[in-house]
Amino acid sequence: MSPSPAAAPLIPANAENRYEVTRSDLPLSCPMPGMALWNSHPKVYLPVVEDGGESTCPYCGAHYVLRD
């Protein structure tokens, strides 16, 4: 059986230092739901102020920036 063509490929977790996120990504967690988890740290929820907010993961240092 072949994999579903509609399945989106996973983003490697902790592969970048900066990620842009949107309101649809809230509540924000690191790693994010679309990231591969097998080699990542435990999931942690990050606080983000919705008005131009930013947050940094305490485990991997990934910096998340909320864009409109």
PDB file of N, CA and C in Angstrom:
ATOM      1  N   MET A   1       0.850  -1.171   0.000  1.00  0.00           N
ATOM      2  CA  MET A   1       0.000   0.000   0.000  1.00  0.00           C
ATOM      3  C   MET A   1       0.894   1.232   0.000  1.00  0.00           C
ATOM      4  N   SER A   2       0.655   2.176  -0.867  1.00  0.00           N
ATOM      5  CA  SER A   2       1.482   3.378  -0.964  1.00  0.00           C
ATOM      6  C   SER A   2       0.982   4.439   0.004  1.00  0.00           C
ATOM      7  N   PRO A   3       1.873   5.341   0.461  1.00  0.00           N
ATOM      8  CA  PRO A   3       1.456   6.403   1.367  1.00  0.00           C
ATOM      9  C   PRO A   3       0.492   7.359   0.685  1.00  0.00           C
ATOM     10  N   SER A   4      -0.333   7.997   1.461  1.00  0.00           N
ATOM     11  CA  SER A   4      -1.317   8.931   0.946  1.00  0.00           C
ATOM     12  C   SER A   4      -0.629  10.149   0.329  1.00  0.00           C
ATOM     13  N   PRO A   5      -0.984  10.539  -0.886  1.00  0.00           N
ATOM     14  CA  PRO A   5      -0.357  11.707  -1.502  1.00  0.00           C
ATOM     15  C   PRO A   5      -0.737  12.996  -0.798  1.00  0.00           C
ATOM     16  N   ALA A   6      -1.828  12.993  -0.022  1.00  0.00           N
ATOM     17  CA  ALA A   6      -2.264  14.200   0.672  1.00  0.00           C
ATOM     18  C   ALA A   6      -1.492  14.438   1.968  1.00  0.00           C
ATOM     19  N   ALA A   7      -0.754  13.433   2.433  1.00  0.00           N
ATOM     20  CA  ALA A   7      -0.020  13.586   3.685  1.00  0.00           C
ATOM     21  C   ALA A   7       1.142  14.561   3.492  1.00  0.00           C
ATOM     22  N   ALA A   8       1.173  15.576   4.323  1.00  0.00           N
ATOM     23  CA  ALA A   8       2.240  16.580   4.229  1.00  0.00           C
ATOM     24  C   ALA A   8       3.504  16.030   4.872  1.00  0.00           C
ATOM     25  N   PRO A   9       4.657  16.309   4.281  1.00  0.00           N
ATOM     26  CA  PRO A   9       5.910  15.853   4.892  1.00  0.00           C
ATOM     27  C   PRO A   9       6.147  16.579   6.209  1.00  0.00           C
ATOM     28  N   LEU A  10       6.742  15.882   7.161  1.00  0.00           N
ATOM     29  CA  LEU A  10       7.028  16.492   8.457  1.00  0.00           C
ATOM     30  C   LEU A  10       8.228  17.417   8.352  1.00  0.00           C
ATOM     31  N   ILE A  11       8.196  18.499   9.096  1.00  0.00           N
ATOM     32  CA  ILE A  11       9.308  19.431   9.187  1.00  0.00           C
ATOM     33  C   ILE A  11      10.270  18.872  10.231  1.00  0.00           C
ATOM     34  N   PRO A  12      11.563  18.848   9.972  1.00  0.00           N
ATOM     35  CA  PRO A  12      12.494  18.375  11.005  1.00  0.00           C
ATOM     36  C   PRO A  12      12.415  19.273  12.248  1.00  0.00           C
ATOM     37  N   ALA A  13      12.261  18.678  13.408  1.00  0.00           N
ATOM     38  CA  ALA A  13      12.216  19.446  14.648  1.00  0.00           C
ATOM     39  C   ALA A  13      13.596  19.989  14.969  1.00  0.00           C
ATOM     40  N   ASN A  14      13.630  21.149  15.552  1.00  0.00           N
ATOM     41  CA  ASN A  14      14.870  21.794  15.993  1.00  0.00           C
ATOM     42  C   ASN A  14      15.860  22.004  14.854  1.00  0.00           C
ATOM     43  N   ALA A  15      15.370  22.164  13.635  1.00  0.00           N
ATOM     44  CA  ALA A  15      16.250  22.329  12.483  1.00  0.00           C
ATOM     45  C   ALA A  15      16.580  23.792  12.213  1.00  0.00           C
ATOM     46  N   GLU A  16      15.785  24.695  12.740  1.00  0.00           N
ATOM     47  CA  GLU A  16      16.002  26.121  12.519  1.00  0.00           C
ATOM     48  C   GLU A  16      16.065  26.823  13.865  1.00  0.00           C
ATOM     49  N   ASN A  17      16.578  28.040  13.847  1.00  0.00           N
ATOM     50  CA  ASN A  17      16.635  28.825  15.078  1.00  0.00           C
ATOM     51  C   ASN A  17      15.490  29.816  15.175  1.00  0.00           C
ATOM     52  N   ARG A  18      14.810  30.087  14.044  1.00  0.00           N
ATOM     53  CA  ARG A  18      13.727  31.066  14.034  1.00  0.00           C
ATOM     54  C   ARG A  18      12.577  30.525  13.194  1.00  0.00           C
ATOM     55  N   TYR A  19      11.376  30.583  13.759  1.00  0.00           N
ATOM     56  CA  TYR A  19      10.175  30.142  13.054  1.00  0.00           C
ATOM     57  C   TYR A  19       9.153  31.264  13.102  1.00  0.00           C
ATOM     58  N   GLU A  20       8.492  31.527  11.980  1.00  0.00           N
ATOM     59  CA  GLU A  20       7.379  32.466  11.962  1.00  0.00           C
ATOM     60  C   GLU A  20       6.100  31.660  12.112  1.00  0.00           C
ATOM     61  N   VAL A  21       5.236  32.097  13.011  1.00  0.00           N
ATOM     62  CA  VAL A  21       3.983  31.398  13.269  1.00  0.00           C
ATOM     63  C   VAL A  21       2.829  32.376  13.095  1.00  0.00           C
ATOM     64  N   THR A  22       1.630  31.826  12.915  1.00  0.00           N
ATOM     65  CA  THR A  22       0.430  32.648  12.777  1.00  0.00           C
ATOM     66  C   THR A  22      -0.534  32.329  13.913  1.00  0.00           C
ATOM     67  N   ARG A  23      -1.594  33.091  13.978  1.00  0.00           N
ATOM     68  CA  ARG A  23      -2.603  32.861  15.024  1.00  0.00           C
ATOM     69  C   ARG A  23      -3.200  31.451  14.942  1.00  0.00           C
ATOM     70  N   SER A  24      -3.214  30.873  13.761  1.00  0.00           N
ATOM     71  CA  SER A  24      -3.760  29.514  13.620  1.00  0.00           C
ATOM     72  C   SER A  24      -2.854  28.473  14.278  1.00  0.00           C
ATOM     73  N   ASP A  25      -1.597  28.835  14.583  1.00  0.00           N
ATOM     74  CA  ASP A  25      -0.665  27.926  15.262  1.00  0.00           C
ATOM     75  C   ASP A  25      -0.812  27.963  16.782  1.00  0.00           C
ATOM     76  N   LEU A  26      -1.635  28.889  17.290  1.00  0.00           N
ATOM     77  CA  LEU A  26      -1.807  29.012  18.737  1.00  0.00           C
ATOM     78  C   LEU A  26      -2.797  27.980  19.242  1.00  0.00           C
ATOM     79  N   PRO A  27      -2.662  27.424  20.416  1.00  0.00           N
ATOM     80  CA  PRO A  27      -1.558  27.640  21.351  1.00  0.00           C
ATOM     81  C   PRO A  27      -0.257  27.072  20.797  1.00  0.00           C
ATOM     82  N   LEU A  28       0.814  27.776  21.037  1.00  0.00           N
ATOM     83  CA  LEU A  28       2.118  27.452  20.480  1.00  0.00           C
ATOM     84  C   LEU A  28       2.835  26.417  21.327  1.00  0.00           C
ATOM     85  N   SER A  29       3.362  25.405  20.658  1.00  0.00           N
ATOM     86  CA  SER A  29       4.161  24.407  21.362  1.00  0.00           C
ATOM     87  C   SER A  29       5.443  24.159  20.582  1.00  0.00           C
ATOM     88  N   CYS A  30       6.453  23.715  21.273  1.00  0.00           N
ATOM     89  CA  CYS A  30       7.713  23.333  20.638  1.00  0.00           C
ATOM     90  C   CYS A  30       8.029  21.927  21.115  1.00  0.00           C
ATOM     91  N   PRO A  31       8.226  20.983  20.216  1.00  0.00           N
ATOM     92  CA  PRO A  31       8.080  21.098  18.784  1.00  0.00           C
ATOM     93  C   PRO A  31       6.625  21.277  18.383  1.00  0.00           C
ATOM     94  N   MET A  32       6.429  21.886  17.212  1.00  0.00           N
ATOM     95  CA  MET A  32       5.079  22.131  16.704  1.00  0.00           C
ATOM     96  C   MET A  32       4.494  20.827  16.162  1.00  0.00           C
ATOM     97  N   PRO A  33       3.162  20.752  16.019  1.00  0.00           N
ATOM     98  CA  PRO A  33       2.516  19.514  15.575  1.00  0.00           C
ATOM     99  C   PRO A  33       3.022  18.961  14.248  1.00  0.00           C
ATOM    100  N   GLY A  34       3.446  19.791  13.308  1.00  0.00           N
ATOM    101  CA  GLY A  34       3.905  19.314  12.020  1.00  0.00           C
ATOM    102  C   GLY A  34       5.365  18.915  11.978  1.00  0.00           C
ATOM    103  N   MET A  35       6.009  18.870  13.131  1.00  0.00           N
ATOM    104  CA  MET A  35       7.437  18.532  13.190  1.00  0.00           C
ATOM    105  C   MET A  35       7.630  17.071  13.570  1.00  0.00           C
ATOM    106  N   ALA A  36       8.673  16.475  13.040  1.00  0.00           N
ATOM    107  CA  ALA A  36       9.031  15.113  13.420  1.00  0.00           C
ATOM    108  C   ALA A  36       9.478  15.125  14.885  1.00  0.00           C
ATOM    109  N   LEU A  37       9.000  14.187  15.667  1.00  0.00           N
ATOM    110  CA  LEU A  37       9.255  14.226  17.105  1.00  0.00           C
ATOM    111  C   LEU A  37      10.291  13.218  17.593  1.00  0.00           C
ATOM    112  N   TRP A  38      10.678  12.292  16.786  1.00  0.00           N
ATOM    113  CA  TRP A  38      11.498  11.183  17.270  1.00  0.00           C
ATOM    114  C   TRP A  38      12.836  11.625  17.852  1.00  0.00           C
ATOM    115  N   ASN A  39      13.409  12.723  17.387  1.00  0.00           N
ATOM    116  CA  ASN A  39      14.721  13.144  17.891  1.00  0.00           C
ATOM    117  C   ASN A  39      14.646  14.482  18.594  1.00  0.00           C
ATOM    118  N   SER A  40      13.490  14.814  19.114  1.00  0.00           N
ATOM    119  CA  SER A  40      13.296  16.130  19.709  1.00  0.00           C
ATOM    120  C   SER A  40      13.207  16.042  21.234  1.00  0.00           C
ATOM    121  N   HIS A  41      13.032  17.179  21.848  1.00  0.00           N
ATOM    122  CA  HIS A  41      12.850  17.265  23.296  1.00  0.00           C
ATOM    123  C   HIS A  41      11.377  17.090  23.652  1.00  0.00           C
ATOM    124  N   PRO A  42      11.030  16.996  24.935  1.00  0.00           N
ATOM    125  CA  PRO A  42       9.617  16.889  25.319  1.00  0.00           C
ATOM    126  C   PRO A  42       8.833  18.113  24.840  1.00  0.00           C
ATOM    127  N   LYS A  43       7.569  17.909  24.539  1.00  0.00           N
ATOM    128  CA  LYS A  43       6.708  19.002  24.084  1.00  0.00           C
ATOM    129  C   LYS A  43       6.490  19.991  25.223  1.00  0.00           C
ATOM    130  N   VAL A  44       6.663  21.275  24.915  1.00  0.00           N
ATOM    131  CA  VAL A  44       6.459  22.336  25.889  1.00  0.00           C
ATOM    132  C   VAL A  44       5.611  23.418  25.231  1.00  0.00           C
ATOM    133  N   TYR A  45       4.649  23.959  25.979  1.00  0.00           N
ATOM    134  CA  TYR A  45       3.820  25.049  25.461  1.00  0.00           C
ATOM    135  C   TYR A  45       4.493  26.370  25.799  1.00  0.00           C
ATOM    136  N   LEU A  46       4.497  27.278  24.818  1.00  0.00           N
ATOM    137  CA  LEU A  46       5.193  28.551  24.964  1.00  0.00           C
ATOM    138  C   LEU A  46       4.198  29.701  25.005  1.00  0.00           C
ATOM    139  N   PRO A  47       4.383  30.635  25.928  1.00  0.00           N
ATOM    140  CA  PRO A  47       3.507  31.811  25.971  1.00  0.00           C
ATOM    141  C   PRO A  47       3.872  32.776  24.849  1.00  0.00           C
ATOM    142  N   VAL A  48       2.857  33.310  24.190  1.00  0.00           N
ATOM    143  CA  VAL A  48       3.063  34.284  23.126  1.00  0.00           C
ATOM    144  C   VAL A  48       2.033  35.382  23.289  1.00  0.00           C
ATOM    145  N   VAL A  49       2.497  36.604  23.336  1.00  0.00           N
ATOM    146  CA  VAL A  49       1.580  37.736  23.368  1.00  0.00           C
ATOM    147  C   VAL A  49       1.120  37.937  21.932  1.00  0.00           C
ATOM    148  N   GLU A  50      -0.184  38.013  21.713  1.00  0.00           N
ATOM    149  CA  GLU A  50      -0.709  38.033  20.351  1.00  0.00           C
ATOM    150  C   GLU A  50      -0.408  39.312  19.583  1.00  0.00           C
ATOM    151  N   ASP A  51      -0.029  40.395  20.217  1.00  0.00           N
ATOM    152  CA  ASP A  51       0.276  41.639  19.508  1.00  0.00           C
ATOM    153  C   ASP A  51       1.767  41.702  19.215  1.00  0.00           C
ATOM    154  N   GLY A  52       2.176  41.079  18.105  1.00  0.00           N
ATOM    155  CA  GLY A  52       3.583  41.101  17.711  1.00  0.00           C
ATOM    156  C   GLY A  52       4.464  40.313  18.646  1.00  0.00           C
ATOM    157  N   GLY A  53       3.928  39.251  19.238  1.00  0.00           N
ATOM    158  CA  GLY A  53       4.625  38.493  20.257  1.00  0.00           C
ATOM    159  C   GLY A  53       5.746  37.608  19.750  1.00  0.00           C
ATOM    160  N   GLU A  54       6.611  37.280  20.666  1.00  0.00           N
ATOM    161  CA  GLU A  54       7.727  36.377  20.402  1.00  0.00           C
ATOM    162  C   GLU A  54       7.890  35.472  21.611  1.00  0.00           C
ATOM    163  N   SER A  55       8.488  34.308  21.387  1.00  0.00           N
ATOM    164  CA  SER A  55       8.760  33.392  22.478  1.00  0.00           C
ATOM    165  C   SER A  55       9.945  32.514  22.098  1.00  0.00           C
ATOM    166  N   THR A  56      10.681  32.064  23.100  1.00  0.00           N
ATOM    167  CA  THR A  56      11.848  31.215  22.879  1.00  0.00           C
ATOM    168  C   THR A  56      11.702  29.934  23.676  1.00  0.00           C
ATOM    169  N   CYS A  57      11.995  28.806  23.041  1.00  0.00           N
ATOM    170  CA  CYS A  57      11.895  27.507  23.688  1.00  0.00           C
ATOM    171  C   CYS A  57      13.034  27.342  24.694  1.00  0.00           C
ATOM    172  N   PRO A  58      12.720  26.960  25.933  1.00  0.00           N
ATOM    173  CA  PRO A  58      13.774  26.774  26.928  1.00  0.00           C
ATOM    174  C   PRO A  58      14.642  25.543  26.686  1.00  0.00           C
ATOM    175  N   TYR A  59      14.158  24.589  25.888  1.00  0.00           N
ATOM    176  CA  TYR A  59      14.930  23.375  25.611  1.00  0.00           C
ATOM    177  C   TYR A  59      15.938  23.563  24.488  1.00  0.00           C
ATOM    178  N   CYS A  60      15.455  24.027  23.338  1.00  0.00           N
ATOM    179  CA  CYS A  60      16.308  24.056  22.143  1.00  0.00           C
ATOM    180  C   CYS A  60      16.704  25.461  21.702  1.00  0.00           C
ATOM    181  N   GLY A  61      16.080  26.477  22.294  1.00  0.00           N
ATOM    182  CA  GLY A  61      16.417  27.850  21.941  1.00  0.00           C
ATOM    183  C   GLY A  61      15.751  28.346  20.666  1.00  0.00           C
ATOM    184  N   ALA A  62      14.842  27.564  20.091  1.00  0.00           N
ATOM    185  CA  ALA A  62      14.131  28.013  18.898  1.00  0.00           C
ATOM    186  C   ALA A  62      13.341  29.267  19.230  1.00  0.00           C
ATOM    187  N   HIS A  63      13.417  30.255  18.360  1.00  0.00           N
ATOM    188  CA  HIS A  63      12.746  31.526  18.565  1.00  0.00           C
ATOM    189  C   HIS A  63      11.530  31.583  17.647  1.00  0.00           C
ATOM    190  N   TYR A  64      10.358  31.804  18.233  1.00  0.00           N
ATOM    191  CA  TYR A  64       9.104  31.870  17.489  1.00  0.00           C
ATOM    192  C   TYR A  64       8.626  33.301  17.456  1.00  0.00           C
ATOM    193  N   VAL A  65       8.233  33.762  16.248  1.00  0.00           N
ATOM    194  CA  VAL A  65       7.753  35.123  16.056  1.00  0.00           C
ATOM    195  C   VAL A  65       6.361  35.050  15.466  1.00  0.00           C
ATOM    196  N   LEU A  66       5.398  35.717  16.121  1.00  0.00           N
ATOM    197  CA  LEU A  66       4.029  35.740  15.642  1.00  0.00           C
ATOM    198  C   LEU A  66       3.906  36.809  14.564  1.00  0.00           C
ATOM    199  N   ARG A  67       3.445  36.406  13.376  1.00  0.00           N
ATOM    200  CA  ARG A  67       3.235  37.367  12.297  1.00  0.00           C
ATOM    201  C   ARG A  67       1.749  37.418  11.978  1.00  0.00           C
ATOM    202  N   ASP A  68       1.302  38.554  11.493  1.00  0.00           N
ATOM    203  CA  ASP A  68      -0.127  38.713  11.134  1.00  0.00           C
ATOM    204  C   ASP A  68      -0.354  38.424   9.693  1.00  0.00           C
TER     205      ASP A  68
END
